[in-house]
Protein backbone atom coordinates (compact mmCIF):
# COMPACT_ATOMS: atom_id res chain seq x y z
CA MET A 1 0.36 6.65 -38.03
CA GLU A 2 -0.29 4.58 -34.93
CA ILE A 3 1.05 5.82 -31.62
CA ARG A 4 2.34 3.01 -29.44
CA ILE A 5 2.38 3.59 -25.71
CA PRO A 6 4.15 1.05 -23.53
CA GLU A 7 2.05 -0.52 -20.79
CA LEU A 8 3.68 -0.30 -17.41
CA ASN A 9 2.27 -1.00 -13.95
CA GLN A 10 4.99 -0.13 -11.46
CA ILE A 11 4.78 1.97 -8.31
CA LEU A 12 7.19 3.26 -5.71
CA ILE A 13 5.67 4.57 -2.46
CA ALA A 14 7.41 5.67 0.73
CA GLY A 15 5.61 6.19 4.01
CA ARG A 16 4.95 4.74 7.46
CA LEU A 17 2.93 1.74 8.59
CA THR A 18 -0.43 2.66 10.12
CA ARG A 19 -0.70 -0.63 12.03
CA ASP A 20 1.35 -3.72 12.83
CA PRO A 21 1.67 -6.09 9.85
CA GLU A 22 -0.48 -9.23 9.78
CA LEU A 23 1.01 -12.51 8.56
CA ARG A 24 -1.10 -15.44 7.37
CA PHE A 25 -0.50 -18.45 5.17
CA THR A 26 -2.34 -19.86 2.17
CA GLN A 27 -3.49 -23.48 2.10
CA LYS A 28 -0.30 -24.29 0.19
CA GLY A 29 1.83 -22.71 2.92
CA GLN A 30 2.81 -19.50 1.13
CA GLY A 31 3.10 -16.51 3.46
CA VAL A 32 1.27 -13.26 2.81
CA CYS A 33 1.83 -10.19 4.97
CA THR A 34 -0.64 -7.30 4.81
CA PHE A 35 -0.32 -3.78 6.17
CA SER A 36 -1.46 -0.25 5.48
CA LEU A 37 0.93 2.52 4.50
CA ALA A 38 0.37 6.27 4.99
CA ALA A 39 2.15 8.45 2.42
CA ASN A 40 2.10 12.21 3.14
CA ARG A 41 2.38 15.09 0.71
CA ARG A 42 3.05 18.54 2.12
CA TYR A 43 1.93 21.56 0.12
CA LYS A 44 1.31 25.27 0.56
CA ASP A 45 -2.32 26.33 0.15
CA PRO A 46 -2.29 29.08 -2.51
CA ALA A 47 -5.36 30.81 -1.03
CA THR A 48 -4.23 31.01 2.60
CA GLY A 49 -0.46 30.55 2.32
CA GLU A 50 -0.47 27.95 5.09
CA TRP A 51 1.15 24.52 4.87
CA LYS A 52 -1.20 21.54 4.66
CA ASP A 53 -0.78 17.77 4.60
CA ASP A 54 -2.48 15.44 2.15
CA THR A 55 -2.30 11.82 3.31
CA THR A 56 -2.92 8.81 1.08
CA PHE A 57 -3.52 5.40 2.64
CA VAL A 58 -2.41 2.37 0.61
CA SER A 59 -3.07 -1.30 1.40
CA VAL A 60 -0.02 -3.48 0.75
CA ALA A 61 0.33 -7.27 0.40
CA VAL A 62 3.77 -8.89 0.45
CA TRP A 63 4.10 -12.54 -0.63
CA GLY A 64 6.55 -15.38 -0.04
CA PRO A 65 9.70 -15.23 2.09
CA ALA A 66 9.59 -11.42 2.08
CA ALA A 67 6.23 -11.62 3.89
CA GLU A 68 7.81 -13.39 6.85
CA ARG A 69 10.67 -10.86 6.97
CA CYS A 70 8.16 -7.99 6.99
CA LYS A 71 6.36 -9.50 9.99
CA GLU A 72 9.67 -9.92 11.84
CA LYS A 73 11.15 -6.49 11.10
CA LEU A 74 8.23 -4.05 10.80
CA LYS A 75 5.77 -2.56 13.27
CA LYS A 76 3.33 0.33 13.42
CA GLY A 77 5.14 3.57 12.55
CA SER A 78 8.02 1.87 10.70
CA PRO A 79 9.24 3.86 7.69
CA VAL A 80 9.16 1.75 4.52
CA MET A 81 9.57 2.08 0.78
CA VAL A 82 7.42 -0.26 -1.31
CA GLU A 83 8.08 -1.12 -4.93
CA GLY A 84 5.53 -3.21 -6.78
CA ARG A 85 2.49 -3.13 -8.99
CA LEU A 86 -0.87 -1.52 -8.46
CA ALA A 87 -3.95 -3.76 -8.33
CA SER A 88 -7.54 -2.94 -7.47
CA SER A 89 -10.01 -5.32 -5.92
CA GLU A 90 -13.64 -5.39 -4.91
CA TYR A 91 -15.69 -7.47 -2.56
CA THR A 92 -19.22 -7.79 -1.28
CA ASP A 93 -19.67 -6.88 2.37
CA LYS A 94 -22.02 -8.55 4.87
CA THR A 95 -24.93 -6.30 3.83
CA GLY A 96 -24.57 -7.29 0.16
CA GLN A 97 -22.99 -4.02 -1.01
CA LYS A 98 -20.09 -4.07 -3.43
CA ARG A 99 -17.04 -2.20 -2.18
């Protein structure tokens, strides 16, 4: 019997912008807005009983007409909810290291 698992790449993250969004355009004129989002998770440390925060930083890219709206409406500290898909990327920095 073969078990079939559906493939799904969908995320929903809520948090606040860590910096003002940056808008740029591709050579074909399509807008892309980039910003970083901080999503906090509050939990109680079982060993000490004190409350702690765990923050995850997520880079976000918004394309097309929505990119221009993001630049107009958002700024550092703005609360946002992002729905999209998760993608990883890598690049080579100036020293030749892959990141």
